[in-house]
Amino acid sequence: MQDLFTTDTPTPTSDDKTNKRKNNPELLRHTILVCAKNLMLDVGIGNLSMQKVADMAGTSKGGLFHHFKSKDELITSVVELFIAQINTAILADMDAHPTEMGAFTKAYVRVMFDNQEIGLQSDWAGLIQAMTADSQMNELWINWFAQKIKTHASTDSGPRLSVIRCAVDGVWLNNIPHDELPAMRTYLLTLADDVSPNL
């Protein structure tokens, strides 16, 4: 899956590139989202400014506001795209590993531990604490996750699977050293494999 967030920050180097973005609104919108994501990593969500995003994207502030009416809308769009990528990665993993009990939970573990673009070892890992501390961003994540658990209730209910998912979140929030991740991944997947309908 192509990662929309790991694209190198587009640095305008010619009028041709600037005009290309002006003539392609979707390309400019994507460029703005990539730049906003990179600035969120560099300076933090609280220090993100629309002017900085516009400058990095090579557009005017008016061009930025044409696509995003406020800073909150821009941040929301970045998080929504991040969630969409996670969702896509999980669905692809579930297709590649057909199973019944714990299907979503196992895919969640594998994507978080294995996906270098959006998982525990990606740039996004550094933003998770900020996301959970921001009510707007946290609500988006909570609502998406709740919807997935509801959708997969027949295979991913029960306390053991819930604990496994919480453990993944705990690894993300506590900045566990990367060299400890493989053993944790193996342990969590082993726990998930042992789940029965009553657990």
C-alpha atoms as a PDB file:
ATOM      1  CA  MET A   1       0.000   0.000   0.000  1.00  0.00           C
ATOM      2  CA  GLN A   2       1.311   3.407  -0.890  1.00  0.00           C
ATOM      3  CA  ASP A   3       1.825   5.579   2.166  1.00  0.00           C
ATOM      4  CA  LEU A   4       0.483   9.059   1.620  1.00  0.00           C
ATOM      5  CA  PHE A   5       2.361  10.324   4.668  1.00  0.00           C
ATOM      6  CA  THR A   6       5.886   9.206   3.877  1.00  0.00           C
ATOM      7  CA  THR A   7       6.143  11.156   0.659  1.00  0.00           C
ATOM      8  CA  ASP A   8       9.088  13.520   0.847  1.00  0.00           C
ATOM      9  CA  THR A   9       8.052  17.041   1.752  1.00  0.00           C
ATOM     10  CA  PRO A  10       7.482  18.752  -1.592  1.00  0.00           C
ATOM     11  CA  THR A  11       9.862  21.724  -1.814  1.00  0.00           C
ATOM     12  CA  PRO A  12       8.966  24.118  -4.610  1.00  0.00           C
ATOM     13  CA  THR A  13      11.976  24.577  -6.883  1.00  0.00           C
ATOM     14  CA  SER A  14      10.417  26.112 -10.000  1.00  0.00           C
ATOM     15  CA  ASP A  15       7.427  27.996 -11.316  1.00  0.00           C
ATOM     16  CA  ASP A  16       6.421  24.871 -13.228  1.00  0.00           C
ATOM     17  CA  LYS A  17       5.913  22.891 -10.037  1.00  0.00           C
ATOM     18  CA  THR A  18       3.974  25.728  -8.438  1.00  0.00           C
ATOM     19  CA  ASN A  19       1.742  26.076 -11.485  1.00  0.00           C
ATOM     20  CA  LYS A  20       1.189  22.322 -11.605  1.00  0.00           C
ATOM     21  CA  ARG A  21      -0.186  22.360  -8.069  1.00  0.00           C
ATOM     22  CA  LYS A  22      -2.319  25.413  -8.804  1.00  0.00           C
ATOM     23  CA  ASN A  23      -3.812  23.630 -11.799  1.00  0.00           C
ATOM     24  CA  ASN A  24      -4.384  20.423  -9.815  1.00  0.00           C
ATOM     25  CA  PRO A  25      -6.405  21.165  -6.660  1.00  0.00           C
ATOM     26  CA  GLU A  26      -6.167  17.587  -5.396  1.00  0.00           C
ATOM     27  CA  LEU A  27      -2.389  17.616  -5.704  1.00  0.00           C
ATOM     28  CA  LEU A  28      -2.206  20.899  -3.799  1.00  0.00           C
ATOM     29  CA  ARG A  29      -4.540  19.546  -1.113  1.00  0.00           C
ATOM     30  CA  HIS A  30      -2.376  16.456  -0.715  1.00  0.00           C
ATOM     31  CA  THR A  31       0.773  18.596  -0.596  1.00  0.00           C
ATOM     32  CA  ILE A  32      -0.759  20.696   2.174  1.00  0.00           C
ATOM     33  CA  LEU A  33      -1.658  17.588   4.193  1.00  0.00           C
ATOM     34  CA  VAL A  34       1.863  16.161   3.858  1.00  0.00           C
ATOM     35  CA  CYS A  35       3.393  19.464   4.938  1.00  0.00           C
ATOM     36  CA  ALA A  36       1.004  19.778   7.877  1.00  0.00           C
ATOM     37  CA  LYS A  37       1.852  16.256   8.969  1.00  0.00           C
ATOM     38  CA  ASN A  38       5.586  16.963   8.795  1.00  0.00           C
ATOM     39  CA  LEU A  39       5.230  20.212  10.730  1.00  0.00           C
ATOM     40  CA  MET A  40       3.158  18.457  13.378  1.00  0.00           C
ATOM     41  CA  LEU A  41       6.092  16.101  13.812  1.00  0.00           C
ATOM     42  CA  ASP A  42       8.694  18.881  13.815  1.00  0.00           C
ATOM     43  CA  VAL A  43       7.097  21.582  15.967  1.00  0.00           C
ATOM     44  CA  GLY A  44       4.159  19.856  17.654  1.00  0.00           C
ATOM     45  CA  ILE A  45       0.446  20.211  17.127  1.00  0.00           C
ATOM     46  CA  GLY A  46       0.171  23.224  19.410  1.00  0.00           C
ATOM     47  CA  ASN A  47       2.799  25.143  17.452  1.00  0.00           C
ATOM     48  CA  LEU A  48       1.367  24.377  14.030  1.00  0.00           C
ATOM     49  CA  SER A  49       0.522  27.557  12.143  1.00  0.00           C
ATOM     50  CA  MET A  50      -1.360  27.968   8.896  1.00  0.00           C
ATOM     51  CA  GLN A  51       1.335  30.350   7.589  1.00  0.00           C
ATOM     52  CA  LYS A  52       4.081  27.769   8.177  1.00  0.00           C
ATOM     53  CA  VAL A  53       2.053  25.123   6.384  1.00  0.00           C
ATOM     54  CA  ALA A  54       1.378  27.448   3.450  1.00  0.00           C
ATOM     55  CA  ASP A  55       5.058  28.370   3.183  1.00  0.00           C
ATOM     56  CA  MET A  56       6.183  24.743   3.217  1.00  0.00           C
ATOM     57  CA  ALA A  57       3.532  23.774   0.671  1.00  0.00           C
ATOM     58  CA  GLY A  58       4.573  26.573  -1.648  1.00  0.00           C
ATOM     59  CA  THR A  59       1.174  28.211  -1.707  1.00  0.00           C
ATOM     60  CA  SER A  60      -0.379  31.374  -0.377  1.00  0.00           C
ATOM     61  CA  LYS A  61      -2.303  31.506   2.856  1.00  0.00           C
ATOM     62  CA  GLY A  62      -5.381  32.183   0.733  1.00  0.00           C
ATOM     63  CA  GLY A  63      -4.674  29.029  -1.255  1.00  0.00           C
ATOM     64  CA  LEU A  64      -4.430  27.083   1.976  1.00  0.00           C
ATOM     65  CA  PHE A  65      -7.701  28.465   3.310  1.00  0.00           C
ATOM     66  CA  HIS A  66      -9.376  27.556   0.032  1.00  0.00           C
ATOM     67  CA  HIS A  67      -8.906  23.907   0.978  1.00  0.00           C
ATOM     68  CA  PHE A  68      -9.044  24.115   4.781  1.00  0.00           C
ATOM     69  CA  LYS A  69     -11.109  26.801   6.456  1.00  0.00           C
ATOM     70  CA  SER A  70      -9.337  26.576   9.816  1.00  0.00           C
ATOM     71  CA  LYS A  71      -6.437  24.990  11.638  1.00  0.00           C
ATOM     72  CA  ASP A  72      -8.845  22.563  13.316  1.00  0.00           C
ATOM     73  CA  GLU A  73     -10.173  21.446   9.937  1.00  0.00           C
ATOM     74  CA  LEU A  74      -6.629  20.900   8.672  1.00  0.00           C
ATOM     75  CA  ILE A  75      -5.626  18.837  11.714  1.00  0.00           C
ATOM     76  CA  THR A  76      -8.832  16.827  11.452  1.00  0.00           C
ATOM     77  CA  SER A  77      -8.115  16.075   7.789  1.00  0.00           C
ATOM     78  CA  VAL A  78      -4.580  14.884   8.573  1.00  0.00           C
ATOM     79  CA  VAL A  79      -5.846  12.555  11.304  1.00  0.00           C
ATOM     80  CA  GLU A  80      -8.683  11.273   9.132  1.00  0.00           C
ATOM     81  CA  LEU A  81      -6.234  10.390   6.370  1.00  0.00           C
ATOM     82  CA  PHE A  82      -3.976   8.658   8.895  1.00  0.00           C
ATOM     83  CA  ILE A  83      -6.926   6.619  10.199  1.00  0.00           C
ATOM     84  CA  ALA A  84      -7.962   5.774   6.651  1.00  0.00           C
ATOM     85  CA  GLN A  85      -4.495   4.391   5.969  1.00  0.00           C
ATOM     86  CA  ILE A  86      -4.530   2.301   9.119  1.00  0.00           C
ATOM     87  CA  ASN A  87      -7.969   1.012   8.193  1.00  0.00           C
ATOM     88  CA  THR A  88      -6.799   0.095   4.694  1.00  0.00           C
ATOM     89  CA  ALA A  89      -3.719  -1.676   6.053  1.00  0.00           C
ATOM     90  CA  ILE A  90      -5.791  -3.678   8.541  1.00  0.00           C
ATOM     91  CA  LEU A  91      -8.306  -4.747   5.890  1.00  0.00           C
ATOM     92  CA  ALA A  92      -5.464  -5.823   3.590  1.00  0.00           C
ATOM     93  CA  ASP A  93      -3.879  -7.814   6.412  1.00  0.00           C
ATOM     94  CA  MET A  94      -7.184  -9.515   7.210  1.00  0.00           C
ATOM     95  CA  ASP A  95      -7.511 -10.519   3.556  1.00  0.00           C
ATOM     96  CA  ALA A  96      -3.969 -11.917   3.605  1.00  0.00           C
ATOM     97  CA  HIS A  97      -4.546 -13.846   6.866  1.00  0.00           C
ATOM     98  CA  PRO A  98      -8.088 -15.235   6.740  1.00  0.00           C
ATOM     99  CA  THR A  99      -9.167 -16.407  10.153  1.00  0.00           C
ATOM    100  CA  GLU A 100     -12.202 -16.361  12.377  1.00  0.00           C
ATOM    101  CA  MET A 101     -11.667 -15.646  16.066  1.00  0.00           C
ATOM    102  CA  GLY A 102      -9.719 -12.464  16.701  1.00  0.00           C
ATOM    103  CA  ALA A 103      -9.400 -11.524  13.029  1.00  0.00           C
ATOM    104  CA  PHE A 104      -9.407  -7.762  13.562  1.00  0.00           C
ATOM    105  CA  THR A 105      -7.266  -7.887  16.700  1.00  0.00           C
ATOM    106  CA  LYS A 106      -4.589 -10.017  15.043  1.00  0.00           C
ATOM    107  CA  ALA A 107      -4.508  -7.687  12.052  1.00  0.00           C
ATOM    108  CA  TYR A 108      -4.251  -4.689  14.391  1.00  0.00           C
ATOM    109  CA  VAL A 109      -1.250  -6.272  16.121  1.00  0.00           C
ATOM    110  CA  ARG A 110       0.502  -7.092  12.857  1.00  0.00           C
ATOM    111  CA  VAL A 111      -0.085  -3.665  11.302  1.00  0.00           C
ATOM    112  CA  MET A 112       1.057  -1.805  14.400  1.00  0.00           C
ATOM    113  CA  PHE A 113       4.193  -3.894  14.856  1.00  0.00           C
ATOM    114  CA  ASP A 114       5.105  -4.603  11.224  1.00  0.00           C
ATOM    115  CA  ASN A 115       4.042  -1.617   9.139  1.00  0.00           C
ATOM    116  CA  GLN A 116       7.040   0.689   8.854  1.00  0.00           C
ATOM    117  CA  GLU A 117       4.962   3.527   7.428  1.00  0.00           C
ATOM    118  CA  ILE A 118       2.180   3.916   9.988  1.00  0.00           C
ATOM    119  CA  GLY A 119       2.994   1.484  12.799  1.00  0.00           C
ATOM    120  CA  LEU A 120       4.972   1.611  16.016  1.00  0.00           C
ATOM    121  CA  GLN A 121       8.267   2.320  14.277  1.00  0.00           C
ATOM    122  CA  SER A 122       6.948   5.043  11.976  1.00  0.00           C
ATOM    123  CA  ASP A 123       7.013   8.803  12.413  1.00  0.00           C
ATOM    124  CA  TRP A 124       3.427   8.651  13.540  1.00  0.00           C
ATOM    125  CA  ALA A 125       4.415   6.889  16.745  1.00  0.00           C
ATOM    126  CA  GLY A 126       5.749  10.221  17.958  1.00  0.00           C
ATOM    127  CA  LEU A 127       2.350  11.848  17.523  1.00  0.00           C
ATOM    128  CA  ILE A 128       0.220   9.293  19.343  1.00  0.00           C
ATOM    129  CA  GLN A 129       0.652  10.871  22.769  1.00  0.00           C
ATOM    130  CA  ALA A 130      -0.288  14.253  21.340  1.00  0.00           C
ATOM    131  CA  MET A 131      -3.301  12.713  19.634  1.00  0.00           C
ATOM    132  CA  THR A 132      -4.561  11.189  22.860  1.00  0.00           C
ATOM    133  CA  ALA A 133      -4.061  14.482  24.694  1.00  0.00           C
ATOM    134  CA  ASP A 134      -6.058  16.444  22.112  1.00  0.00           C
ATOM    135  CA  SER A 135      -9.808  15.907  22.542  1.00  0.00           C
ATOM    136  CA  GLN A 136     -10.600  16.616  18.893  1.00  0.00           C
ATOM    137  CA  MET A 137      -8.050  14.142  17.551  1.00  0.00           C
ATOM    138  CA  ASN A 138      -8.716  11.571  20.246  1.00  0.00           C
ATOM    139  CA  GLU A 139     -12.441  11.559  19.502  1.00  0.00           C
ATOM    140  CA  LEU A 140     -11.773  10.723  15.861  1.00  0.00           C
ATOM    141  CA  TRP A 141      -9.630   7.764  16.875  1.00  0.00           C
ATOM    142  CA  ILE A 142     -12.058   6.524  19.550  1.00  0.00           C
ATOM    143  CA  ASN A 143     -15.037   6.699  17.195  1.00  0.00           C
ATOM    144  CA  TRP A 144     -13.202   4.821  14.451  1.00  0.00           C
ATOM    145  CA  PHE A 145     -12.004   2.131  16.833  1.00  0.00           C
ATOM    146  CA  ALA A 146     -15.432   1.689  18.408  1.00  0.00           C
ATOM    147  CA  GLN A 147     -16.955   1.280  14.959  1.00  0.00           C
ATOM    148  CA  LYS A 148     -14.411  -1.413  14.062  1.00  0.00           C
ATOM    149  CA  ILE A 149     -15.060  -3.341  17.268  1.00  0.00           C
ATOM    150  CA  LYS A 150     -18.811  -3.161  16.598  1.00  0.00           C
ATOM    151  CA  THR A 151     -18.313  -4.370  13.031  1.00  0.00           C
ATOM    152  CA  HIS A 152     -16.183  -7.306  14.185  1.00  0.00           C
ATOM    153  CA  ALA A 153     -18.132  -8.088  17.362  1.00  0.00           C
ATOM    154  CA  SER A 154     -18.751 -11.672  16.299  1.00  0.00           C
ATOM    155  CA  THR A 155     -15.023 -12.435  16.116  1.00  0.00           C
ATOM    156  CA  ASP A 156     -13.309  -9.872  18.356  1.00  0.00           C
ATOM    157  CA  SER A 157     -15.383  -9.605  21.512  1.00  0.00           C
ATOM    158  CA  GLY A 158     -14.228 -10.896  24.886  1.00  0.00           C
ATOM    159  CA  PRO A 159     -11.818  -9.708  27.553  1.00  0.00           C
ATOM    160  CA  ARG A 160      -8.660 -11.382  26.230  1.00  0.00           C
ATOM    161  CA  LEU A 161      -8.832  -9.735  22.812  1.00  0.00           C
ATOM    162  CA  SER A 162      -9.676  -6.414  24.439  1.00  0.00           C
ATOM    163  CA  VAL A 163      -6.607  -6.708  26.668  1.00  0.00           C
ATOM    164  CA  ILE A 164      -4.429  -7.516  23.640  1.00  0.00           C
ATOM    165  CA  ARG A 165      -5.600  -4.389  21.825  1.00  0.00           C
ATOM    166  CA  CYS A 166      -5.008  -2.308  24.947  1.00  0.00           C
ATOM    167  CA  ALA A 167      -1.511  -3.775  25.201  1.00  0.00           C
ATOM    168  CA  VAL A 168      -0.739  -2.599  21.657  1.00  0.00           C
ATOM    169  CA  ASP A 169      -1.910   0.897  22.569  1.00  0.00           C
ATOM    170  CA  GLY A 170       0.222   0.756  25.707  1.00  0.00           C
ATOM    171  CA  VAL A 171       3.327  -0.083  23.675  1.00  0.00           C
ATOM    172  CA  TRP A 172       2.605   2.901  21.441  1.00  0.00           C
ATOM    173  CA  LEU A 173       2.020   5.318  24.316  1.00  0.00           C
ATOM    174  CA  ASN A 174       5.002   4.255  26.402  1.00  0.00           C
ATOM    175  CA  ASN A 175       7.716   4.452  23.732  1.00  0.00           C
ATOM    176  CA  ILE A 176       8.869   0.869  24.196  1.00  0.00           C
ATOM    177  CA  PRO A 177      12.381   0.392  22.705  1.00  0.00           C
ATOM    178  CA  HIS A 178      12.295  -0.989  19.194  1.00  0.00           C
ATOM    179  CA  ASP A 179      14.471  -3.969  20.057  1.00  0.00           C
ATOM    180  CA  GLU A 180      11.781  -5.214  22.457  1.00  0.00           C
ATOM    181  CA  LEU A 181       8.992  -5.079  19.894  1.00  0.00           C
ATOM    182  CA  PRO A 182       9.514  -8.454  18.126  1.00  0.00           C
ATOM    183  CA  ALA A 183       9.133 -10.436  21.349  1.00  0.00           C
ATOM    184  CA  MET A 184       6.024  -8.460  22.315  1.00  0.00           C
ATOM    185  CA  ARG A 185       4.513  -8.996  18.874  1.00  0.00           C
ATOM    186  CA  THR A 186       5.066 -12.746  19.116  1.00  0.00           C
ATOM    187  CA  TYR A 187       3.612 -12.913  22.613  1.00  0.00           C
ATOM    188  CA  LEU A 188       0.466 -10.921  21.725  1.00  0.00           C
ATOM    189  CA  LEU A 189      -0.211 -12.959  18.601  1.00  0.00           C
ATOM    190  CA  THR A 190       0.255 -16.165  20.582  1.00  0.00           C
ATOM    191  CA  LEU A 191      -2.317 -14.945  23.093  1.00  0.00           C
ATOM    192  CA  ALA A 192      -4.688 -14.104  20.250  1.00  0.00           C
ATOM    193  CA  ASP A 193      -4.233 -17.528  18.656  1.00  0.00           C
ATOM    194  CA  ASP A 194      -5.337 -19.175  21.899  1.00  0.00           C
ATOM    195  CA  VAL A 195      -8.634 -17.275  22.051  1.00  0.00           C
ATOM    196  CA  SER A 196     -11.837 -19.281  22.123  1.00  0.00           C
ATOM    197  CA  PRO A 197     -15.406 -17.944  21.848  1.00  0.00           C
ATOM    198  CA  ASN A 198     -15.614 -17.853  25.639  1.00  0.00           C
ATOM    199  CA  LEU A 199     -12.451 -15.796  26.235  1.00  0.00           C
END
